[in-house]
Amino acid sequence: MLAIIAAIENDFEREFITQIYLTYYKKMRAKAFFIIHDESEADEIVQESFVKLIEHVQDLMRIDPIKVPVYVMVTVKNISITH
């Protein structure tokens, strides 16, 4: 996972995503596991979620900081359901 984050060229975006990773990783993984009941699939979903978050990092950085956890968790939920 850290390789994905390390690949972000913009320092501000990389730091922003790193903070999301450090803050929400366990909650994201728990949410994915709650939906799909498979440890390895939950890890894949979290990775896929971070790819999506990185793709939309500019939008994520512009929204109200109070809404960031909701955005992150809805992303995980939607990818879990789709998976």
PDB file of N, CA and C in Angstrom:
ATOM      1  N   MET A   1       0.820  -1.198   0.000  1.00  0.00           N
ATOM      2  CA  MET A   1       0.000   0.000   0.000  1.00  0.00           C
ATOM      3  C   MET A   1       0.859   1.256   0.000  1.00  0.00           C
ATOM      4  N   LEU A   2       1.887   1.257   0.785  1.00  0.00           N
ATOM      5  CA  LEU A   2       2.720   2.446   0.859  1.00  0.00           C
ATOM      6  C   LEU A   2       3.375   2.768  -0.473  1.00  0.00           C
ATOM      7  N   ALA A   3       3.587   1.774  -1.329  1.00  0.00           N
ATOM      8  CA  ALA A   3       4.158   2.016  -2.653  1.00  0.00           C
ATOM      9  C   ALA A   3       3.219   2.870  -3.489  1.00  0.00           C
ATOM     10  N   ILE A   4       1.933   2.651  -3.353  1.00  0.00           N
ATOM     11  CA  ILE A   4       0.945   3.454  -4.078  1.00  0.00           C
ATOM     12  C   ILE A   4       1.030   4.907  -3.621  1.00  0.00           C
ATOM     13  N   ILE A   5       1.113   5.089  -2.329  1.00  0.00           N
ATOM     14  CA  ILE A   5       1.184   6.448  -1.778  1.00  0.00           C
ATOM     15  C   ILE A   5       2.518   7.102  -2.141  1.00  0.00           C
ATOM     16  N   ALA A   6       3.593   6.338  -2.078  1.00  0.00           N
ATOM     17  CA  ALA A   6       4.914   6.879  -2.399  1.00  0.00           C
ATOM     18  C   ALA A   6       5.011   7.330  -3.849  1.00  0.00           C
ATOM     19  N   ALA A   7       4.176   6.772  -4.711  1.00  0.00           N
ATOM     20  CA  ALA A   7       4.195   7.125  -6.133  1.00  0.00           C
ATOM     21  C   ALA A   7       3.553   8.480  -6.420  1.00  0.00           C
ATOM     22  N   ILE A   8       2.856   9.048  -5.454  1.00  0.00           N
ATOM     23  CA  ILE A   8       2.224  10.360  -5.652  1.00  0.00           C
ATOM     24  C   ILE A   8       3.332  11.407  -5.730  1.00  0.00           C
ATOM     25  N   GLU A   9       3.345  12.158  -6.820  1.00  0.00           N
ATOM     26  CA  GLU A   9       4.431  13.124  -7.039  1.00  0.00           C
ATOM     27  C   GLU A   9       4.270  14.405  -6.227  1.00  0.00           C
ATOM     28  N   ASN A  10       3.058  14.874  -6.051  1.00  0.00           N
ATOM     29  CA  ASN A  10       2.814  16.121  -5.333  1.00  0.00           C
ATOM     30  C   ASN A  10       2.954  15.872  -3.825  1.00  0.00           C
ATOM     31  N   ASP A  11       3.846  16.640  -3.190  1.00  0.00           N
ATOM     32  CA  ASP A  11       4.099  16.442  -1.754  1.00  0.00           C
ATOM     33  C   ASP A  11       2.860  16.651  -0.889  1.00  0.00           C
ATOM     34  N   PHE A  12       2.067  17.663  -1.202  1.00  0.00           N
ATOM     35  CA  PHE A  12       0.867  17.950  -0.410  1.00  0.00           C
ATOM     36  C   PHE A  12      -0.155  16.828  -0.542  1.00  0.00           C
ATOM     37  N   GLU A  13      -0.336  16.340  -1.759  1.00  0.00           N
ATOM     38  CA  GLU A  13      -1.278  15.244  -1.988  1.00  0.00           C
ATOM     39  C   GLU A  13      -0.793  13.971  -1.310  1.00  0.00           C
ATOM     40  N   ARG A  14       0.507  13.701  -1.406  1.00  0.00           N
ATOM     41  CA  ARG A  14       1.066  12.502  -0.764  1.00  0.00           C
ATOM     42  C   ARG A  14       0.875  12.562   0.746  1.00  0.00           C
ATOM     43  N   GLU A  15       1.133  13.721   1.352  1.00  0.00           N
ATOM     44  CA  GLU A  15       0.949  13.879   2.799  1.00  0.00           C
ATOM     45  C   GLU A  15      -0.521  13.732   3.190  1.00  0.00           C
ATOM     46  N   PHE A  16      -1.408  14.299   2.380  1.00  0.00           N
ATOM     47  CA  PHE A  16      -2.840  14.211   2.643  1.00  0.00           C
ATOM     48  C   PHE A  16      -3.305  12.754   2.631  1.00  0.00           C
ATOM     49  N   ILE A  17      -2.917  12.013   1.601  1.00  0.00           N
ATOM     50  CA  ILE A  17      -3.310  10.605   1.494  1.00  0.00           C
ATOM     51  C   ILE A  17      -2.641   9.773   2.591  1.00  0.00           C
ATOM     52  N   THR A  18      -1.419  10.100   2.941  1.00  0.00           N
ATOM     53  CA  THR A  18      -0.745   9.394   4.027  1.00  0.00           C
ATOM     54  C   THR A  18      -1.512   9.562   5.334  1.00  0.00           C
ATOM     55  N   GLN A  19      -1.987  10.764   5.600  1.00  0.00           N
ATOM     56  CA  GLN A  19      -2.776  11.005   6.818  1.00  0.00           C
ATOM     57  C   GLN A  19      -4.085  10.223   6.789  1.00  0.00           C
ATOM     58  N   ILE A  20      -4.705  10.149   5.627  1.00  0.00           N
ATOM     59  CA  ILE A  20      -5.932   9.345   5.509  1.00  0.00           C
ATOM     60  C   ILE A  20      -5.604   7.885   5.790  1.00  0.00           C
ATOM     61  N   TYR A  21      -4.523   7.408   5.235  1.00  0.00           N
ATOM     62  CA  TYR A  21      -4.107   6.021   5.456  1.00  0.00           C
ATOM     63  C   TYR A  21      -3.885   5.756   6.942  1.00  0.00           C
ATOM     64  N   LEU A  22      -3.123   6.606   7.588  1.00  0.00           N
ATOM     65  CA  LEU A  22      -2.819   6.413   9.006  1.00  0.00           C
ATOM     66  C   LEU A  22      -4.059   6.521   9.885  1.00  0.00           C
ATOM     67  N   THR A  23      -4.973   7.383   9.504  1.00  0.00           N
ATOM     68  CA  THR A  23      -6.159   7.631  10.321  1.00  0.00           C
ATOM     69  C   THR A  23      -7.262   6.601  10.093  1.00  0.00           C
ATOM     70  N   TYR A  24      -7.479   6.185   8.857  1.00  0.00           N
ATOM     71  CA  TYR A  24      -8.670   5.405   8.532  1.00  0.00           C
ATOM     72  C   TYR A  24      -8.426   3.978   8.071  1.00  0.00           C
ATOM     73  N   TYR A  25      -7.174   3.557   7.913  1.00  0.00           N
ATOM     74  CA  TYR A  25      -6.917   2.221   7.368  1.00  0.00           C
ATOM     75  C   TYR A  25      -7.668   1.121   8.125  1.00  0.00           C
ATOM     76  N   LYS A  26      -7.543   1.093   9.444  1.00  0.00           N
ATOM     77  CA  LYS A  26      -8.187   0.024  10.224  1.00  0.00           C
ATOM     78  C   LYS A  26      -9.706   0.052  10.076  1.00  0.00           C
ATOM     79  N   LYS A  27     -10.284   1.239  10.063  1.00  0.00           N
ATOM     80  CA  LYS A  27     -11.735   1.362   9.910  1.00  0.00           C
ATOM     81  C   LYS A  27     -12.164   0.930   8.510  1.00  0.00           C
ATOM     82  N   MET A  28     -11.362   1.287   7.523  1.00  0.00           N
ATOM     83  CA  MET A  28     -11.675   0.903   6.143  1.00  0.00           C
ATOM     84  C   MET A  28     -11.635  -0.614   5.989  1.00  0.00           C
ATOM     85  N   ARG A  29     -10.612  -1.224   6.555  1.00  0.00           N
ATOM     86  CA  ARG A  29     -10.480  -2.671   6.457  1.00  0.00           C
ATOM     87  C   ARG A  29     -11.619  -3.377   7.196  1.00  0.00           C
ATOM     88  N   ALA A  30     -11.981  -2.855   8.359  1.00  0.00           N
ATOM     89  CA  ALA A  30     -13.081  -3.440   9.124  1.00  0.00           C
ATOM     90  C   ALA A  30     -14.397  -3.333   8.356  1.00  0.00           C
ATOM     91  N   LYS A  31     -14.626  -2.197   7.715  1.00  0.00           N
ATOM     92  CA  LYS A  31     -15.851  -2.002   6.933  1.00  0.00           C
ATOM     93  C   LYS A  31     -15.896  -2.981   5.769  1.00  0.00           C
ATOM     94  N   ALA A  32     -14.786  -3.117   5.055  1.00  0.00           N
ATOM     95  CA  ALA A  32     -14.733  -4.049   3.930  1.00  0.00           C
ATOM     96  C   ALA A  32     -14.966  -5.480   4.413  1.00  0.00           C
ATOM     97  N   PHE A  33     -14.328  -5.863   5.506  1.00  0.00           N
ATOM     98  CA  PHE A  33     -14.501  -7.210   6.044  1.00  0.00           C
ATOM     99  C   PHE A  33     -15.932  -7.448   6.503  1.00  0.00           C
ATOM    100  N   PHE A  34     -16.541  -6.448   7.115  1.00  0.00           N
ATOM    101  CA  PHE A  34     -17.925  -6.562   7.571  1.00  0.00           C
ATOM    102  C   PHE A  34     -18.862  -6.877   6.405  1.00  0.00           C
ATOM    103  N   ILE A  35     -18.578  -6.305   5.248  1.00  0.00           N
ATOM    104  CA  ILE A  35     -19.446  -6.490   4.089  1.00  0.00           C
ATOM    105  C   ILE A  35     -19.171  -7.803   3.373  1.00  0.00           C
ATOM    106  N   ILE A  36     -17.885  -8.167   3.214  1.00  0.00           N
ATOM    107  CA  ILE A  36     -17.572  -9.334   2.376  1.00  0.00           C
ATOM    108  C   ILE A  36     -17.110 -10.577   3.134  1.00  0.00           C
ATOM    109  N   HIS A  37     -16.737 -10.434   4.404  1.00  0.00           N
ATOM    110  CA  HIS A  37     -16.359 -11.574   5.261  1.00  0.00           C
ATOM    111  C   HIS A  37     -15.186 -12.382   4.719  1.00  0.00           C
ATOM    112  N   ASP A  38     -14.181 -11.702   4.177  1.00  0.00           N
ATOM    113  CA  ASP A  38     -12.993 -12.377   3.669  1.00  0.00           C
ATOM    114  C   ASP A  38     -11.791 -11.465   3.890  1.00  0.00           C
ATOM    115  N   GLU A  39     -10.814 -11.946   4.658  1.00  0.00           N
ATOM    116  CA  GLU A  39      -9.658 -11.124   5.029  1.00  0.00           C
ATOM    117  C   GLU A  39      -8.859 -10.641   3.820  1.00  0.00           C
ATOM    118  N   SER A  40      -8.518 -11.544   2.918  1.00  0.00           N
ATOM    119  CA  SER A  40      -7.685 -11.145   1.775  1.00  0.00           C
ATOM    120  C   SER A  40      -8.446 -10.227   0.826  1.00  0.00           C
ATOM    121  N   GLU A  41      -9.729 -10.483   0.646  1.00  0.00           N
ATOM    122  CA  GLU A  41     -10.547  -9.605  -0.200  1.00  0.00           C
ATOM    123  C   GLU A  41     -10.687  -8.223   0.440  1.00  0.00           C
ATOM    124  N   ALA A  42     -10.772  -8.177   1.744  1.00  0.00           N
ATOM    125  CA  ALA A  42     -10.863  -6.891   2.438  1.00  0.00           C
ATOM    126  C   ALA A  42      -9.608  -6.065   2.188  1.00  0.00           C
ATOM    127  N   ASP A  43      -8.446  -6.718   2.211  1.00  0.00           N
ATOM    128  CA  ASP A  43      -7.197  -6.006   1.919  1.00  0.00           C
ATOM    129  C   ASP A  43      -7.194  -5.467   0.492  1.00  0.00           C
ATOM    130  N   GLU A  44      -7.655  -6.263  -0.449  1.00  0.00           N
ATOM    131  CA  GLU A  44      -7.716  -5.828  -1.847  1.00  0.00           C
ATOM    132  C   GLU A  44      -8.672  -4.650  -2.014  1.00  0.00           C
ATOM    133  N   ILE A  45      -9.785  -4.701  -1.324  1.00  0.00           N
ATOM    134  CA  ILE A  45     -10.766  -3.617  -1.411  1.00  0.00           C
ATOM    135  C   ILE A  45     -10.187  -2.324  -0.850  1.00  0.00           C
ATOM    136  N   VAL A  46      -9.465  -2.410   0.245  1.00  0.00           N
ATOM    137  CA  VAL A  46      -8.846  -1.211   0.816  1.00  0.00           C
ATOM    138  C   VAL A  46      -7.822  -0.635  -0.161  1.00  0.00           C
ATOM    139  N   GLN A  47      -7.035  -1.487  -0.784  1.00  0.00           N
ATOM    140  CA  GLN A  47      -6.072  -1.007  -1.776  1.00  0.00           C
ATOM    141  C   GLN A  47      -6.781  -0.339  -2.951  1.00  0.00           C
ATOM    142  N   GLU A  48      -7.813  -0.986  -3.439  1.00  0.00           N
ATOM    143  CA  GLU A  48      -8.590  -0.410  -4.546  1.00  0.00           C
ATOM    144  C   GLU A  48      -9.224   0.919  -4.121  1.00  0.00           C
ATOM    145  N   SER A  49      -9.658   0.996  -2.887  1.00  0.00           N
ATOM    146  CA  SER A  49     -10.236   2.240  -2.373  1.00  0.00           C
ATOM    147  C   SER A  49      -9.202   3.361  -2.364  1.00  0.00           C
ATOM    148  N   PHE A  50      -7.985   3.044  -1.969  1.00  0.00           N
ATOM    149  CA  PHE A  50      -6.939   4.063  -1.976  1.00  0.00           C
ATOM    150  C   PHE A  50      -6.595   4.512  -3.390  1.00  0.00           C
ATOM    151  N   VAL A  51      -6.651   3.611  -4.337  1.00  0.00           N
ATOM    152  CA  VAL A  51      -6.428   4.006  -5.732  1.00  0.00           C
ATOM    153  C   VAL A  51      -7.494   5.017  -6.136  1.00  0.00           C
ATOM    154  N   LYS A  52      -8.743   4.742  -5.797  1.00  0.00           N
ATOM    155  CA  LYS A  52      -9.837   5.675  -6.121  1.00  0.00           C
ATOM    156  C   LYS A  52      -9.672   7.002  -5.384  1.00  0.00           C
ATOM    157  N   LEU A  53      -9.302   6.944  -4.125  1.00  0.00           N
ATOM    158  CA  LEU A  53      -9.101   8.176  -3.364  1.00  0.00           C
ATOM    159  C   LEU A  53      -7.971   9.009  -3.959  1.00  0.00           C
ATOM    160  N   ILE A  54      -6.918   8.343  -4.388  1.00  0.00           N
ATOM    161  CA  ILE A  54      -5.799   9.058  -5.009  1.00  0.00           C
ATOM    162  C   ILE A  54      -6.240   9.695  -6.321  1.00  0.00           C
ATOM    163  N   GLU A  55      -7.060   8.982  -7.086  1.00  0.00           N
ATOM    164  CA  GLU A  55      -7.565   9.532  -8.350  1.00  0.00           C
ATOM    165  C   GLU A  55      -8.382  10.806  -8.112  1.00  0.00           C
ATOM    166  N   HIS A  56      -9.019  10.898  -6.957  1.00  0.00           N
ATOM    167  CA  HIS A  56      -9.895  12.031  -6.644  1.00  0.00           C
ATOM    168  C   HIS A  56      -9.345  12.888  -5.502  1.00  0.00           C
ATOM    169  N   VAL A  57      -8.038  12.873  -5.323  1.00  0.00           N
ATOM    170  CA  VAL A  57      -7.437  13.568  -4.184  1.00  0.00           C
ATOM    171  C   VAL A  57      -7.714  15.070  -4.214  1.00  0.00           C
ATOM    172  N   GLN A  58      -7.734  15.676  -5.380  1.00  0.00           N
ATOM    173  CA  GLN A  58      -8.006  17.111  -5.460  1.00  0.00           C
ATOM    174  C   GLN A  58      -9.407  17.420  -4.925  1.00  0.00           C
ATOM    175  N   ASP A  59     -10.389  16.625  -5.304  1.00  0.00           N
ATOM    176  CA  ASP A  59     -11.759  16.811  -4.792  1.00  0.00           C
ATOM    177  C   ASP A  59     -11.796  16.582  -3.285  1.00  0.00           C
ATOM    178  N   LEU A  60     -11.117  15.555  -2.854  1.00  0.00           N
ATOM    179  CA  LEU A  60     -11.092  15.204  -1.434  1.00  0.00           C
ATOM    180  C   LEU A  60     -10.462  16.305  -0.594  1.00  0.00           C
ATOM    181  N   MET A  61      -9.440  16.947  -1.124  1.00  0.00           N
ATOM    182  CA  MET A  61      -8.768  18.020  -0.397  1.00  0.00           C
ATOM    183  C   MET A  61      -9.619  19.293  -0.320  1.00  0.00           C
ATOM    184  N   ARG A  62     -10.560  19.439  -1.238  1.00  0.00           N
ATOM    185  CA  ARG A  62     -11.401  20.637  -1.267  1.00  0.00           C
ATOM    186  C   ARG A  62     -12.650  20.542  -0.399  1.00  0.00           C
ATOM    187  N   ILE A  63     -13.073  19.334  -0.077  1.00  0.00           N
ATOM    188  CA  ILE A  63     -14.306  19.223   0.699  1.00  0.00           C
ATOM    189  C   ILE A  63     -14.055  19.585   2.163  1.00  0.00           C
ATOM    190  N   ASP A  64     -15.133  19.848   2.852  1.00  0.00           N
ATOM    191  CA  ASP A  64     -15.084  20.168   4.277  1.00  0.00           C
ATOM    192  C   ASP A  64     -14.403  19.007   5.015  1.00  0.00           C
ATOM    193  N   PRO A  65     -13.394  19.282   5.836  1.00  0.00           N
ATOM    194  CA  PRO A  65     -12.683  18.215   6.552  1.00  0.00           C
ATOM    195  C   PRO A  65     -13.585  17.303   7.380  1.00  0.00           C
ATOM    196  N   ILE A  66     -14.712  17.809   7.801  1.00  0.00           N
ATOM    197  CA  ILE A  66     -15.653  16.989   8.573  1.00  0.00           C
ATOM    198  C   ILE A  66     -16.257  15.887   7.693  1.00  0.00           C
ATOM    199  N   LYS A  67     -16.322  16.134   6.387  1.00  0.00           N
ATOM    200  CA  LYS A  67     -16.924  15.176   5.464  1.00  0.00           C
ATOM    201  C   LYS A  67     -15.930  14.153   4.929  1.00  0.00           C
ATOM    202  N   VAL A  68     -14.653  14.335   5.173  1.00  0.00           N
ATOM    203  CA  VAL A  68     -13.635  13.414   4.655  1.00  0.00           C
ATOM    204  C   VAL A  68     -13.865  11.980   5.143  1.00  0.00           C
ATOM    205  N   PRO A  69     -14.106  11.739   6.429  1.00  0.00           N
ATOM    206  CA  PRO A  69     -14.331  10.351   6.860  1.00  0.00           C
ATOM    207  C   PRO A  69     -15.523   9.706   6.159  1.00  0.00           C
ATOM    208  N   VAL A  70     -16.559  10.471   5.937  1.00  0.00           N
ATOM    209  CA  VAL A  70     -17.732   9.933   5.248  1.00  0.00           C
ATOM    210  C   VAL A  70     -17.367   9.562   3.815  1.00  0.00           C
ATOM    211  N   TYR A  71     -16.659  10.447   3.133  1.00  0.00           N
ATOM    212  CA  TYR A  71     -16.224  10.197   1.754  1.00  0.00           C
ATOM    213  C   TYR A  71     -15.387   8.917   1.698  1.00  0.00           C
ATOM    214  N   VAL A  72     -14.453   8.781   2.618  1.00  0.00           N
ATOM    215  CA  VAL A  72     -13.569   7.616   2.651  1.00  0.00           C
ATOM    216  C   VAL A  72     -14.370   6.341   2.888  1.00  0.00           C
ATOM    217  N   MET A  73     -15.242   6.358   3.873  1.00  0.00           N
ATOM    218  CA  MET A  73     -15.982   5.146   4.217  1.00  0.00           C
ATOM    219  C   MET A  73     -17.029   4.780   3.168  1.00  0.00           C
ATOM    220  N   VAL A  74     -17.630   5.766   2.532  1.00  0.00           N
ATOM    221  CA  VAL A  74     -18.578   5.484   1.447  1.00  0.00           C
ATOM    222  C   VAL A  74     -17.831   4.870   0.259  1.00  0.00           C
ATOM    223  N   THR A  75     -16.623   5.333   0.015  1.00  0.00           N
ATOM    224  CA  THR A  75     -15.811   4.748  -1.050  1.00  0.00           C
ATOM    225  C   THR A  75     -15.570   3.269  -0.776  1.00  0.00           C
ATOM    226  N   VAL A  76     -15.167   2.940   0.433  1.00  0.00           N
ATOM    227  CA  VAL A  76     -14.926   1.539   0.805  1.00  0.00           C
ATOM    228  C   VAL A  76     -16.212   0.725   0.705  1.00  0.00           C
ATOM    229  N   LYS A  77     -17.287   1.269   1.204  1.00  0.00           N
ATOM    230  CA  LYS A  77     -18.570   0.554   1.156  1.00  0.00           C
ATOM    231  C   LYS A  77     -18.975   0.256  -0.281  1.00  0.00           C
ATOM    232  N   ASN A  78     -18.900   1.257  -1.138  1.00  0.00           N
ATOM    233  CA  ASN A  78     -19.323   1.065  -2.532  1.00  0.00           C
ATOM    234  C   ASN A  78     -18.446   0.064  -3.263  1.00  0.00           C
ATOM    235  N   ILE A  79     -17.151   0.132  -3.045  1.00  0.00           N
ATOM    236  CA  ILE A  79     -16.257  -0.836  -3.696  1.00  0.00           C
ATOM    237  C   ILE A  79     -16.490  -2.234  -3.149  1.00  0.00           C
ATOM    238  N   SER A  80     -16.764  -2.348  -1.857  1.00  0.00           N
ATOM    239  CA  SER A  80     -17.055  -3.660  -1.268  1.00  0.00           C
ATOM    240  C   SER A  80     -18.317  -4.247  -1.865  1.00  0.00           C
ATOM    241  N   ILE A  81     -19.337  -3.451  -1.997  1.00  0.00           N
ATOM    242  CA  ILE A  81     -20.608  -3.937  -2.548  1.00  0.00           C
ATOM    243  C   ILE A  81     -20.432  -4.335  -4.009  1.00  0.00           C
ATOM    244  N   THR A  82     -19.705  -3.525  -4.765  1.00  0.00           N
ATOM    245  CA  THR A  82     -19.461  -3.821  -6.175  1.00  0.00           C
ATOM    246  C   THR A  82     -18.610  -5.066  -6.342  1.00  0.00           C
ATOM    247  N   HIS A  83     -17.689  -5.256  -5.419  1.00  0.00           N
ATOM    248  CA  HIS A  83     -16.765  -6.388  -5.496  1.00  0.00           C
ATOM    249  C   HIS A  83     -17.519  -7.678  -5.347  1.00  0.00           C
TER     250      HIS A  83
END
